[in-house]
Amino acid sequence: MTKLLQIRALEKGKGIQYLLDTAYKIFNNPIVVFDTNYDLKAYTDVATDDAVWNELISTGTFSMETQRFFAKEFFTEDVANASKLVVLKSNSLKYDRLVGNVFNREHIKVANIVMVGVNAFFEPDDTAAFEELTDKITEEIHDDEYFTAFGRAYRESIIVKLLDGVIRDPLIFTDHVQIFYEGFEDYLYVAVVEIPQDDPGNNAAHQDRCIYIKNLLENKYESFKFAIYSGYIVMVMSSKYKDFGIDNFFGKDTHCFVQNNLFVGMSDSFENPYELRQYYDKAVDALNNGSGKSPGKRFFAAIEPFA
C-alpha cells in the first residue's frame, strides 16, 4: 500500500498525537505541530541531531534568532504563500523539511505541521501523502474549541501588535500579517468605536462592556476584524465585502449604535497593513473632531463620502 493510501486510512477522532505517531511509522521521519505563535503543540518523541528541531522540542518555541534565520532564508515568506505544502531546503540546515498549513473551521491558519528528513530522504510520493496528513490534522481540529478561540484571539493580537508597533519588519512577520490580512483584498479602512464609560473609576466594568459590544458587532459584521485597544473597539474592514456598503454600515442600519450609545470614527482608505497605526490615528481624530460638533450624529469619517 502506498504512503498516500496508508495516510488516508488513518482513523478520525483519535487526536493529533495519534496521527503524528502513526505517520512517523509510515514516513520514518519525525513530525511536529506548532501553532502560529511558534508554540509547540505535538511531536513525535524521537531523538534527532537537527539543531532547529531540538530547540523547538527543548524550549517549546523558536527564539527570535531562529525566526530571523527563517526570514533570511525566505522560509517565512514561502510558508506564508503556500496554499497547503512547501519543501524547505537550505545549505544552513542539515535536513530538508516538508511544511503544511493547518486551518481551523473558520479557515484561519492556526498551526504548521513539519516533517524533518532526518532518517529518510523524501521520496516522490511523500509530498502527496504529507498533504493528506495536513488535511487530516485540519479535519481533526475542526471541532476543537481551543483552535477556534485561538484563531480569533490570534488575529486580534496581530491587530494590537500592529497598532503598538511591535510588528515592524515585513520580512520576519510576513506569515503573521498575512493571517490577519487573509481575504482582505481591495481597500482597507479602520474604524474606532467609542463606548461611553458610566463610571470612569471602574475600568473592569468598562472592559466587560467593551467585550460585550465587540461580540455584538462581530455577530453583526462578520467580515470585519476586531480588537479592543486603548478603550476603543477597533474594526478593520475591506471594501470588497457587502458589510462595508453604505446601506449596511453607514446608512440606515444604525439601531445597534443608537441603542448602545456608540460613536464611530472612520479612517480613509489604505492598502498596506503595516500602516494600520497611521490610519487608526486618523479614525480617532475623526471621532474626536466630529463628536463634539455634530449633535445627533454617530459616524464621523476622515474624508467624504462618509463624513
C-alpha atoms as a PDB file:
ATOM      1  CA  MET A   1       0.000   0.000   0.000  1.00  0.00           C
ATOM      2  CA  THR A   2       1.359   3.443  -0.901  1.00  0.00           C
ATOM      3  CA  LYS A   3       2.079   6.044   1.756  1.00  0.00           C
ATOM      4  CA  LEU A   4      -0.822   8.137   0.478  1.00  0.00           C
ATOM      5  CA  LEU A   5      -3.266   5.267   0.919  1.00  0.00           C
ATOM      6  CA  GLN A   6      -1.864   4.495   4.371  1.00  0.00           C
ATOM      7  CA  ILE A   7      -2.362   8.107   5.474  1.00  0.00           C
ATOM      8  CA  ARG A   8      -5.874   8.143   4.036  1.00  0.00           C
ATOM      9  CA  ALA A   9      -6.662   5.037   6.086  1.00  0.00           C
ATOM     10  CA  LEU A  10      -5.834   6.721   9.417  1.00  0.00           C
ATOM     11  CA  GLU A  11      -8.808   6.894  11.767  1.00  0.00           C
ATOM     12  CA  LYS A  12     -10.536  10.155  12.601  1.00  0.00           C
ATOM     13  CA  GLY A  13     -11.234  11.357  16.104  1.00  0.00           C
ATOM     14  CA  LYS A  14      -8.205   9.832  17.817  1.00  0.00           C
ATOM     15  CA  GLY A  15      -6.303  13.096  18.212  1.00  0.00           C
ATOM     16  CA  ILE A  16      -3.289  14.853  16.747  1.00  0.00           C
ATOM     17  CA  GLN A  17      -0.780  12.748  18.657  1.00  0.00           C
ATOM     18  CA  TYR A  18      -2.178   9.516  17.200  1.00  0.00           C
ATOM     19  CA  LEU A  19      -1.894  10.949  13.685  1.00  0.00           C
ATOM     20  CA  LEU A  20       1.715  12.037  14.223  1.00  0.00           C
ATOM     21  CA  ASP A  21       2.840   8.784  15.840  1.00  0.00           C
ATOM     22  CA  THR A  22       1.234   6.655  13.141  1.00  0.00           C
ATOM     23  CA  ALA A  23       2.522   8.883  10.344  1.00  0.00           C
ATOM     24  CA  TYR A  24       6.046   8.565  11.764  1.00  0.00           C
ATOM     25  CA  LYS A  25       5.873   4.813  11.220  1.00  0.00           C
ATOM     26  CA  ILE A  26       4.825   5.431   7.619  1.00  0.00           C
ATOM     27  CA  PHE A  27       7.356   8.146   6.726  1.00  0.00           C
ATOM     28  CA  ASN A  28      10.142   7.119   9.147  1.00  0.00           C
ATOM     29  CA  ASN A  29      10.806  10.807   9.814  1.00  0.00           C
ATOM     30  CA  PRO A  30       9.971  12.970  12.879  1.00  0.00           C
ATOM     31  CA  ILE A  31       6.947  15.266  12.691  1.00  0.00           C
ATOM     32  CA  VAL A  32       5.943  18.255  14.804  1.00  0.00           C
ATOM     33  CA  VAL A  33       2.946  20.608  15.078  1.00  0.00           C
ATOM     34  CA  PHE A  34       3.323  24.163  16.412  1.00  0.00           C
ATOM     35  CA  ASP A  35       0.791  26.985  16.423  1.00  0.00           C
ATOM     36  CA  THR A  36       1.176  30.318  14.666  1.00  0.00           C
ATOM     37  CA  ASN A  37       2.778  31.784  17.785  1.00  0.00           C
ATOM     38  CA  TYR A  38       5.501  29.128  17.319  1.00  0.00           C
ATOM     39  CA  ASP A  39       4.351  27.317  20.462  1.00  0.00           C
ATOM     40  CA  LEU A  40       4.869  23.543  20.419  1.00  0.00           C
ATOM     41  CA  LYS A  41       1.619  21.532  20.354  1.00  0.00           C
ATOM     42  CA  ALA A  42       2.540  17.932  19.489  1.00  0.00           C
ATOM     43  CA  TYR A  43       5.526  15.974  18.213  1.00  0.00           C
ATOM     44  CA  THR A  44       6.918  12.504  17.660  1.00  0.00           C
ATOM     45  CA  ASP A  45       9.172  11.687  20.588  1.00  0.00           C
ATOM     46  CA  VAL A  46      12.318  10.623  18.757  1.00  0.00           C
ATOM     47  CA  ALA A  47      15.907  11.799  19.108  1.00  0.00           C
ATOM     48  CA  THR A  48      17.450  13.784  16.240  1.00  0.00           C
ATOM     49  CA  ASP A  49      20.643  15.693  15.566  1.00  0.00           C
ATOM     50  CA  ASP A  50      18.795  18.581  13.938  1.00  0.00           C
ATOM     51  CA  ALA A  51      19.518  21.805  15.858  1.00  0.00           C
ATOM     52  CA  VAL A  52      16.288  23.627  14.945  1.00  0.00           C
ATOM     53  CA  TRP A  53      14.147  20.615  15.855  1.00  0.00           C
ATOM     54  CA  ASN A  54      15.953  20.240  19.179  1.00  0.00           C
ATOM     55  CA  GLU A  55      15.479  23.928  20.017  1.00  0.00           C
ATOM     56  CA  LEU A  56      11.724  23.669  19.474  1.00  0.00           C
ATOM     57  CA  ILE A  57      11.349  20.419  21.430  1.00  0.00           C
ATOM     58  CA  SER A  58      13.534  21.514  24.351  1.00  0.00           C
ATOM     59  CA  THR A  59      12.211  25.093  24.733  1.00  0.00           C
ATOM     60  CA  GLY A  60       8.691  24.759  23.343  1.00  0.00           C
ATOM     61  CA  THR A  61       9.200  27.553  20.812  1.00  0.00           C
ATOM     62  CA  PHE A  62      11.670  29.220  18.426  1.00  0.00           C
ATOM     63  CA  SER A  63      13.977  32.019  19.543  1.00  0.00           C
ATOM     64  CA  MET A  64      13.880  35.367  17.753  1.00  0.00           C
ATOM     65  CA  GLU A  65      17.305  34.500  16.318  1.00  0.00           C
ATOM     66  CA  THR A  66      15.824  31.392  14.711  1.00  0.00           C
ATOM     67  CA  GLN A  67      12.849  33.372  13.444  1.00  0.00           C
ATOM     68  CA  ARG A  68      15.265  35.826  11.810  1.00  0.00           C
ATOM     69  CA  PHE A  69      17.047  32.872  10.215  1.00  0.00           C
ATOM     70  CA  PHE A  70      13.728  31.625   8.805  1.00  0.00           C
ATOM     71  CA  ALA A  71      13.101  35.089   7.351  1.00  0.00           C
ATOM     72  CA  LYS A  72      16.609  35.400   5.901  1.00  0.00           C
ATOM     73  CA  GLU A  73      16.230  32.049   4.156  1.00  0.00           C
ATOM     74  CA  PHE A  74      12.759  33.150   2.902  1.00  0.00           C
ATOM     75  CA  PHE A  75      11.182  30.233   4.771  1.00  0.00           C
ATOM     76  CA  THR A  76       8.682  32.593   6.418  1.00  0.00           C
ATOM     77  CA  GLU A  77       7.604  34.022   3.070  1.00  0.00           C
ATOM     78  CA  ASP A  78       7.467  30.613   1.365  1.00  0.00           C
ATOM     79  CA  VAL A  79       5.285  29.122   4.104  1.00  0.00           C
ATOM     80  CA  ALA A  80       3.032  32.191   4.172  1.00  0.00           C
ATOM     81  CA  ASN A  81       2.461  31.989   0.430  1.00  0.00           C
ATOM     82  CA  ALA A  82       1.936  28.219   0.320  1.00  0.00           C
ATOM     83  CA  SER A  83      -1.673  27.170  -0.163  1.00  0.00           C
ATOM     84  CA  LYS A  84      -1.031  23.826   1.508  1.00  0.00           C
ATOM     85  CA  LEU A  85       2.534  22.472   1.434  1.00  0.00           C
ATOM     86  CA  VAL A  86       6.084  23.673   0.785  1.00  0.00           C
ATOM     87  CA  VAL A  87       9.506  21.985   0.723  1.00  0.00           C
ATOM     88  CA  LEU A  88      12.185  23.938   2.600  1.00  0.00           C
ATOM     89  CA  LYS A  89      15.819  23.478   1.620  1.00  0.00           C
ATOM     90  CA  SER A  90      18.886  25.388   2.775  1.00  0.00           C
ATOM     91  CA  ASN A  91      22.640  24.944   2.899  1.00  0.00           C
ATOM     92  CA  SER A  92      22.387  26.153   6.500  1.00  0.00           C
ATOM     93  CA  LEU A  93      20.110  23.273   7.503  1.00  0.00           C
ATOM     94  CA  LYS A  94      21.299  19.705   7.848  1.00  0.00           C
ATOM     95  CA  TYR A  95      17.950  18.275   6.697  1.00  0.00           C
ATOM     96  CA  ASP A  96      15.195  19.293   4.298  1.00  0.00           C
ATOM     97  CA  ARG A  97      11.667  19.861   5.586  1.00  0.00           C
ATOM     98  CA  LEU A  98       8.104  19.441   4.416  1.00  0.00           C
ATOM     99  CA  VAL A  99       5.774  22.086   5.884  1.00  0.00           C
ATOM    100  CA  GLY A 100       1.984  22.213   5.751  1.00  0.00           C
ATOM    101  CA  ASN A 101      -0.517  24.862   6.869  1.00  0.00           C
ATOM    102  CA  VAL A 102      -3.293  23.834   9.273  1.00  0.00           C
ATOM    103  CA  PHE A 103      -6.578  25.784   9.379  1.00  0.00           C
ATOM    104  CA  ASN A 104      -9.404  25.879  11.900  1.00  0.00           C
ATOM    105  CA  ARG A 105     -13.089  25.673  10.981  1.00  0.00           C
ATOM    106  CA  GLU A 106     -13.206  29.430  10.280  1.00  0.00           C
ATOM    107  CA  HIS A 107     -10.353  28.954   7.806  1.00  0.00           C
ATOM    108  CA  ILE A 108      -7.921  30.896   9.952  1.00  0.00           C
ATOM    109  CA  LYS A 109      -4.427  29.443   9.788  1.00  0.00           C
ATOM    110  CA  VAL A 110      -3.674  28.301  13.325  1.00  0.00           C
ATOM    111  CA  ALA A 111      -0.714  25.906  13.045  1.00  0.00           C
ATOM    112  CA  ASN A 112       2.022  24.352  10.951  1.00  0.00           C
ATOM    113  CA  ILE A 113       2.943  20.713  10.630  1.00  0.00           C
ATOM    114  CA  VAL A 114       6.579  19.977   9.782  1.00  0.00           C
ATOM    115  CA  MET A 115       8.357  16.775   8.852  1.00  0.00           C
ATOM    116  CA  VAL A 116      12.173  16.750   9.009  1.00  0.00           C
ATOM    117  CA  GLY A 117      14.039  14.390   6.664  1.00  0.00           C
ATOM    118  CA  VAL A 118      16.304  13.027   9.372  1.00  0.00           C
ATOM    119  CA  ASN A 119      16.034   9.266   8.856  1.00  0.00           C
ATOM    120  CA  ALA A 120      14.961   9.005   5.229  1.00  0.00           C
ATOM    121  CA  PHE A 121      15.238  11.150   2.117  1.00  0.00           C
ATOM    122  CA  PHE A 122      11.934  12.469   0.827  1.00  0.00           C
ATOM    123  CA  GLU A 123      10.548  10.224  -1.884  1.00  0.00           C
ATOM    124  CA  PRO A 124       8.369  11.300  -4.845  1.00  0.00           C
ATOM    125  CA  ASP A 125       5.147  10.141  -3.179  1.00  0.00           C
ATOM    126  CA  ASP A 126       5.927  11.798   0.178  1.00  0.00           C
ATOM    127  CA  THR A 127       4.529  15.200  -0.819  1.00  0.00           C
ATOM    128  CA  ALA A 128       1.073  13.901  -1.721  1.00  0.00           C
ATOM    129  CA  ALA A 129       0.972  11.737   1.407  1.00  0.00           C
ATOM    130  CA  PHE A 130       2.102  14.654   3.593  1.00  0.00           C
ATOM    131  CA  GLU A 131      -0.551  16.911   2.068  1.00  0.00           C
ATOM    132  CA  GLU A 132      -3.092  14.274   3.034  1.00  0.00           C
ATOM    133  CA  LEU A 133      -1.699  14.230   6.575  1.00  0.00           C
ATOM    134  CA  THR A 134      -2.017  18.031   6.721  1.00  0.00           C
ATOM    135  CA  ASP A 135      -5.663  17.699   5.679  1.00  0.00           C
ATOM    136  CA  LYS A 136      -6.150  15.022   8.350  1.00  0.00           C
ATOM    137  CA  ILE A 137      -4.809  17.379  11.025  1.00  0.00           C
ATOM    138  CA  THR A 138      -7.092  20.160   9.770  1.00  0.00           C
ATOM    139  CA  GLU A 139     -10.081  17.796   9.928  1.00  0.00           C
ATOM    140  CA  GLU A 140      -9.053  16.616  13.389  1.00  0.00           C
ATOM    141  CA  ILE A 141      -9.159  20.138  14.844  1.00  0.00           C
ATOM    142  CA  HIS A 142     -12.357  21.199  13.049  1.00  0.00           C
ATOM    143  CA  ASP A 143     -14.491  20.975  16.187  1.00  0.00           C
ATOM    144  CA  ASP A 144     -11.690  21.823  18.604  1.00  0.00           C
ATOM    145  CA  GLU A 145     -12.780  24.877  20.609  1.00  0.00           C
ATOM    146  CA  TYR A 146      -9.180  25.686  21.555  1.00  0.00           C
ATOM    147  CA  PHE A 147      -8.160  26.249  17.937  1.00  0.00           C
ATOM    148  CA  THR A 148     -11.380  28.135  17.165  1.00  0.00           C
ATOM    149  CA  ALA A 149     -10.779  30.521  20.072  1.00  0.00           C
ATOM    150  CA  PHE A 150      -7.049  30.661  19.319  1.00  0.00           C
ATOM    151  CA  GLY A 151      -7.666  31.736  15.721  1.00  0.00           C
ATOM    152  CA  ARG A 152      -9.890  34.646  16.729  1.00  0.00           C
ATOM    153  CA  ALA A 153      -7.590  35.747  19.562  1.00  0.00           C
ATOM    154  CA  TYR A 154      -4.528  35.414  17.342  1.00  0.00           C
ATOM    155  CA  ARG A 155      -5.995  37.675  14.683  1.00  0.00           C
ATOM    156  CA  GLU A 156      -6.871  40.230  17.369  1.00  0.00           C
ATOM    157  CA  SER A 157      -3.359  40.022  18.803  1.00  0.00           C
ATOM    158  CA  ILE A 158      -1.880  40.815  15.370  1.00  0.00           C
ATOM    159  CA  ILE A 159      -4.039  43.967  15.155  1.00  0.00           C
ATOM    160  CA  VAL A 160      -2.820  45.040  18.616  1.00  0.00           C
ATOM    161  CA  LYS A 161       0.819  44.330  17.725  1.00  0.00           C
ATOM    162  CA  LEU A 162       0.486  46.345  14.519  1.00  0.00           C
ATOM    163  CA  LEU A 163      -1.018  49.237  16.480  1.00  0.00           C
ATOM    164  CA  ASP A 164       1.698  49.017  19.149  1.00  0.00           C
ATOM    165  CA  GLY A 165       4.478  48.908  16.551  1.00  0.00           C
ATOM    166  CA  VAL A 166       5.666  45.515  17.783  1.00  0.00           C
ATOM    167  CA  ILE A 167       5.341  44.172  14.247  1.00  0.00           C
ATOM    168  CA  ARG A 168       7.616  46.284  12.084  1.00  0.00           C
ATOM    169  CA  ASP A 169       9.773  44.069   9.877  1.00  0.00           C
ATOM    170  CA  PRO A 170       7.715  42.673   6.967  1.00  0.00           C
ATOM    171  CA  LEU A 171      10.370  40.015   6.337  1.00  0.00           C
ATOM    172  CA  ILE A 172      10.069  38.438   9.784  1.00  0.00           C
ATOM    173  CA  PHE A 173       6.348  38.943  10.272  1.00  0.00           C
ATOM    174  CA  THR A 174       5.094  38.106   6.772  1.00  0.00           C
ATOM    175  CA  ASP A 175       3.254  34.996   7.904  1.00  0.00           C
ATOM    176  CA  HIS A 176       1.660  36.697  10.914  1.00  0.00           C
ATOM    177  CA  VAL A 177       0.370  39.690   8.962  1.00  0.00           C
ATOM    178  CA  GLN A 178      -0.959  37.519   6.138  1.00  0.00           C
ATOM    179  CA  ILE A 179      -3.084  35.622   8.656  1.00  0.00           C
ATOM    180  CA  PHE A 180      -4.630  38.956   9.646  1.00  0.00           C
ATOM    181  CA  TYR A 181      -4.843  40.107   6.002  1.00  0.00           C
ATOM    182  CA  GLU A 182      -6.374  36.871   4.630  1.00  0.00           C
ATOM    183  CA  GLY A 183      -9.371  37.642   2.425  1.00  0.00           C
ATOM    184  CA  PHE A 184      -8.905  41.402   2.770  1.00  0.00           C
ATOM    185  CA  GLU A 185      -8.098  42.305  -0.812  1.00  0.00           C
ATOM    186  CA  ASP A 186      -9.207  45.733  -2.107  1.00  0.00           C
ATOM    187  CA  TYR A 187      -9.027  48.842   0.037  1.00  0.00           C
ATOM    188  CA  LEU A 188      -8.840  48.680   3.828  1.00  0.00           C
ATOM    189  CA  TYR A 189     -10.447  51.014   6.349  1.00  0.00           C
ATOM    190  CA  VAL A 190     -10.192  51.138  10.111  1.00  0.00           C
ATOM    191  CA  ALA A 191     -12.880  52.434  12.463  1.00  0.00           C
ATOM    192  CA  VAL A 192     -12.836  53.020  16.209  1.00  0.00           C
ATOM    193  CA  VAL A 193     -15.944  52.643  18.324  1.00  0.00           C
ATOM    194  CA  GLU A 194     -16.181  54.791  21.442  1.00  0.00           C
ATOM    195  CA  ILE A 195     -18.081  53.300  24.361  1.00  0.00           C
ATOM    196  CA  PRO A 196     -19.088  55.893  26.976  1.00  0.00           C
ATOM    197  CA  GLN A 197     -17.813  54.990  30.433  1.00  0.00           C
ATOM    198  CA  ASP A 198     -20.558  55.489  33.012  1.00  0.00           C
ATOM    199  CA  ASP A 199     -18.156  55.120  35.928  1.00  0.00           C
ATOM    200  CA  PRO A 200     -14.698  56.451  34.989  1.00  0.00           C
ATOM    201  CA  GLY A 201     -13.144  54.751  38.004  1.00  0.00           C
ATOM    202  CA  ASN A 202     -14.455  51.277  37.172  1.00  0.00           C
ATOM    203  CA  ASN A 203     -12.088  50.031  34.465  1.00  0.00           C
ATOM    204  CA  ALA A 204     -13.133  46.403  34.910  1.00  0.00           C
ATOM    205  CA  ALA A 205     -16.767  47.238  34.172  1.00  0.00           C
ATOM    206  CA  HIS A 206     -15.740  49.221  31.091  1.00  0.00           C
ATOM    207  CA  GLN A 207     -13.604  46.317  29.841  1.00  0.00           C
ATOM    208  CA  ASP A 208     -16.552  43.956  30.271  1.00  0.00           C
ATOM    209  CA  ARG A 209     -18.712  46.424  28.357  1.00  0.00           C
ATOM    210  CA  CYS A 210     -16.127  46.555  25.549  1.00  0.00           C
ATOM    211  CA  ILE A 211     -16.087  42.762  25.296  1.00  0.00           C
ATOM    212  CA  TYR A 212     -19.889  42.667  25.186  1.00  0.00           C
ATOM    213  CA  ILE A 213     -20.081  45.298  22.446  1.00  0.00           C
ATOM    214  CA  LYS A 214     -17.274  43.668  20.462  1.00  0.00           C
ATOM    215  CA  ASN A 215     -19.134  40.353  20.490  1.00  0.00           C
ATOM    216  CA  LEU A 216     -22.304  42.158  19.429  1.00  0.00           C
ATOM    217  CA  LEU A 217     -20.567  43.834  16.495  1.00  0.00           C
ATOM    218  CA  GLU A 218     -18.719  40.648  15.494  1.00  0.00           C
ATOM    219  CA  ASN A 219     -22.064  38.918  15.067  1.00  0.00           C
ATOM    220  CA  LYS A 220     -23.437  41.870  13.129  1.00  0.00           C
ATOM    221  CA  TYR A 221     -20.479  42.420  10.773  1.00  0.00           C
ATOM    222  CA  GLU A 222     -18.988  39.012  10.081  1.00  0.00           C
ATOM    223  CA  SER A 223     -16.424  40.196   7.528  1.00  0.00           C
ATOM    224  CA  PHE A 224     -14.846  42.808   9.833  1.00  0.00           C
ATOM    225  CA  LYS A 225     -11.844  42.006  12.010  1.00  0.00           C
ATOM    226  CA  PHE A 226     -11.946  43.262  15.584  1.00  0.00           C
ATOM    227  CA  ALA A 227      -9.746  44.131  18.539  1.00  0.00           C
ATOM    228  CA  ILE A 228     -10.057  46.058  21.793  1.00  0.00           C
ATOM    229  CA  TYR A 229      -7.362  48.729  22.038  1.00  0.00           C
ATOM    230  CA  SER A 230      -6.933  51.753  24.314  1.00  0.00           C
ATOM    231  CA  GLY A 231     -10.550  51.626  25.386  1.00  0.00           C
ATOM    232  CA  TYR A 232     -11.891  51.565  21.827  1.00  0.00           C
ATOM    233  CA  ILE A 233     -13.243  48.710  19.782  1.00  0.00           C
ATOM    234  CA  VAL A 234     -11.166  48.653  16.605  1.00  0.00           C
ATOM    235  CA  MET A 235     -12.846  47.412  13.433  1.00  0.00           C
ATOM    236  CA  VAL A 236     -10.734  46.692  10.347  1.00  0.00           C
ATOM    237  CA  MET A 237     -12.737  46.218   7.179  1.00  0.00           C
ATOM    238  CA  SER A 238     -12.280  45.633   3.473  1.00  0.00           C
ATOM    239  CA  SER A 239     -14.267  47.402   0.779  1.00  0.00           C
ATOM    240  CA  LYS A 240     -14.722  44.079  -1.040  1.00  0.00           C
ATOM    241  CA  TYR A 241     -17.381  42.888   1.429  1.00  0.00           C
ATOM    242  CA  LYS A 242     -21.045  43.859   1.467  1.00  0.00           C
ATOM    243  CA  ASP A 243     -20.834  44.576   5.233  1.00  0.00           C
ATOM    244  CA  PHE A 244     -18.840  47.646   4.295  1.00  0.00           C
ATOM    245  CA  GLY A 245     -21.522  49.087   1.995  1.00  0.00           C
ATOM    246  CA  ILE A 246     -23.131  52.443   2.606  1.00  0.00           C
ATOM    247  CA  ASP A 247     -26.548  50.951   3.287  1.00  0.00           C
ATOM    248  CA  ASN A 248     -25.241  48.347   5.720  1.00  0.00           C
ATOM    249  CA  PHE A 249     -22.753  50.203   7.849  1.00  0.00           C
ATOM    250  CA  PHE A 250     -23.017  53.919   7.144  1.00  0.00           C
ATOM    251  CA  GLY A 251     -26.626  54.318   6.181  1.00  0.00           C
ATOM    252  CA  LYS A 252     -29.870  53.253   7.777  1.00  0.00           C
ATOM    253  CA  ASP A 253     -28.538  50.388   9.892  1.00  0.00           C
ATOM    254  CA  THR A 254     -27.715  52.453  12.979  1.00  0.00           C
ATOM    255  CA  HIS A 255     -30.072  50.945  15.554  1.00  0.00           C
ATOM    256  CA  CYS A 256     -27.318  48.984  17.299  1.00  0.00           C
ATOM    257  CA  PHE A 257     -25.191  52.123  17.674  1.00  0.00           C
ATOM    258  CA  VAL A 258     -28.048  54.317  18.883  1.00  0.00           C
ATOM    259  CA  GLN A 259     -29.343  51.704  21.322  1.00  0.00           C
ATOM    260  CA  ASN A 260     -25.897  51.258  22.898  1.00  0.00           C
ATOM    261  CA  ASN A 261     -24.905  54.948  22.694  1.00  0.00           C
ATOM    262  CA  LEU A 262     -21.901  54.224  20.462  1.00  0.00           C
ATOM    263  CA  PHE A 263     -19.926  56.695  18.346  1.00  0.00           C
ATOM    264  CA  VAL A 264     -17.689  55.706  15.429  1.00  0.00           C
ATOM    265  CA  GLY A 265     -14.664  57.360  13.870  1.00  0.00           C
ATOM    266  CA  MET A 266     -13.545  56.204  10.419  1.00  0.00           C
ATOM    267  CA  SER A 267     -10.250  56.463   8.554  1.00  0.00           C
ATOM    268  CA  ASP A 268      -9.779  56.959   4.832  1.00  0.00           C
ATOM    269  CA  SER A 269      -8.600  54.017   2.730  1.00  0.00           C
ATOM    270  CA  PHE A 270      -5.219  52.305   2.743  1.00  0.00           C
ATOM    271  CA  GLU A 271      -3.687  49.109   1.354  1.00  0.00           C
ATOM    272  CA  ASN A 272      -0.607  48.297   3.443  1.00  0.00           C
ATOM    273  CA  PRO A 273      -1.430  46.514   6.746  1.00  0.00           C
ATOM    274  CA  TYR A 274       1.768  47.921   8.256  1.00  0.00           C
ATOM    275  CA  GLU A 275       0.149  51.380   8.019  1.00  0.00           C
ATOM    276  CA  LEU A 276      -2.665  50.341  10.360  1.00  0.00           C
ATOM    277  CA  ARG A 277      -1.467  52.589  13.199  1.00  0.00           C
ATOM    278  CA  GLN A 278      -1.352  55.648  10.966  1.00  0.00           C
ATOM    279  CA  TYR A 279      -4.942  55.157   9.845  1.00  0.00           C
ATOM    280  CA  TYR A 280      -6.129  54.194  13.315  1.00  0.00           C
ATOM    281  CA  ASP A 281      -4.895  57.617  14.455  1.00  0.00           C
ATOM    282  CA  LYS A 282      -6.911  59.226  11.641  1.00  0.00           C
ATOM    283  CA  ALA A 283     -10.015  57.358  12.800  1.00  0.00           C
ATOM    284  CA  VAL A 284      -9.501  58.555  16.373  1.00  0.00           C
ATOM    285  CA  ASP A 285      -9.004  62.127  15.139  1.00  0.00           C
ATOM    286  CA  ALA A 286     -12.194  61.925  13.065  1.00  0.00           C
ATOM    287  CA  LEU A 287     -14.114  60.732  16.113  1.00  0.00           C
ATOM    288  CA  ASN A 288     -12.689  63.366  18.457  1.00  0.00           C
ATOM    289  CA  ASN A 289     -13.092  66.221  15.981  1.00  0.00           C
ATOM    290  CA  GLY A 290     -16.622  65.303  14.995  1.00  0.00           C
ATOM    291  CA  SER A 291     -18.375  64.089  18.107  1.00  0.00           C
ATOM    292  CA  GLY A 292     -18.457  67.450  19.875  1.00  0.00           C
ATOM    293  CA  LYS A 293     -19.570  69.421  16.810  1.00  0.00           C
ATOM    294  CA  SER A 294     -22.367  67.369  15.282  1.00  0.00           C
ATOM    295  CA  PRO A 295     -25.204  66.654  17.713  1.00  0.00           C
ATOM    296  CA  GLY A 296     -27.182  63.582  16.781  1.00  0.00           C
ATOM    297  CA  LYS A 297     -24.532  62.063  14.507  1.00  0.00           C
ATOM    298  CA  ARG A 298     -22.992  58.663  15.241  1.00  0.00           C
ATOM    299  CA  PHE A 299     -20.478  58.285  12.410  1.00  0.00           C
ATOM    300  CA  PHE A 300     -17.560  60.609  11.704  1.00  0.00           C
ATOM    301  CA  ALA A 301     -15.062  59.949   8.926  1.00  0.00           C
ATOM    302  CA  ALA A 302     -11.767  61.419   7.821  1.00  0.00           C
ATOM    303  CA  ILE A 303     -12.948  62.072   4.257  1.00  0.00           C
ATOM    304  CA  GLU A 304     -16.058  62.049   2.097  1.00  0.00           C
ATOM    305  CA  PRO A 305     -18.275  60.229   1.249  1.00  0.00           C
ATOM    306  CA  PHE A 306     -18.553  59.010   4.819  1.00  0.00           C
ATOM    307  CA  ALA A 307     -18.091  62.298   6.663  1.00  0.00           C
END
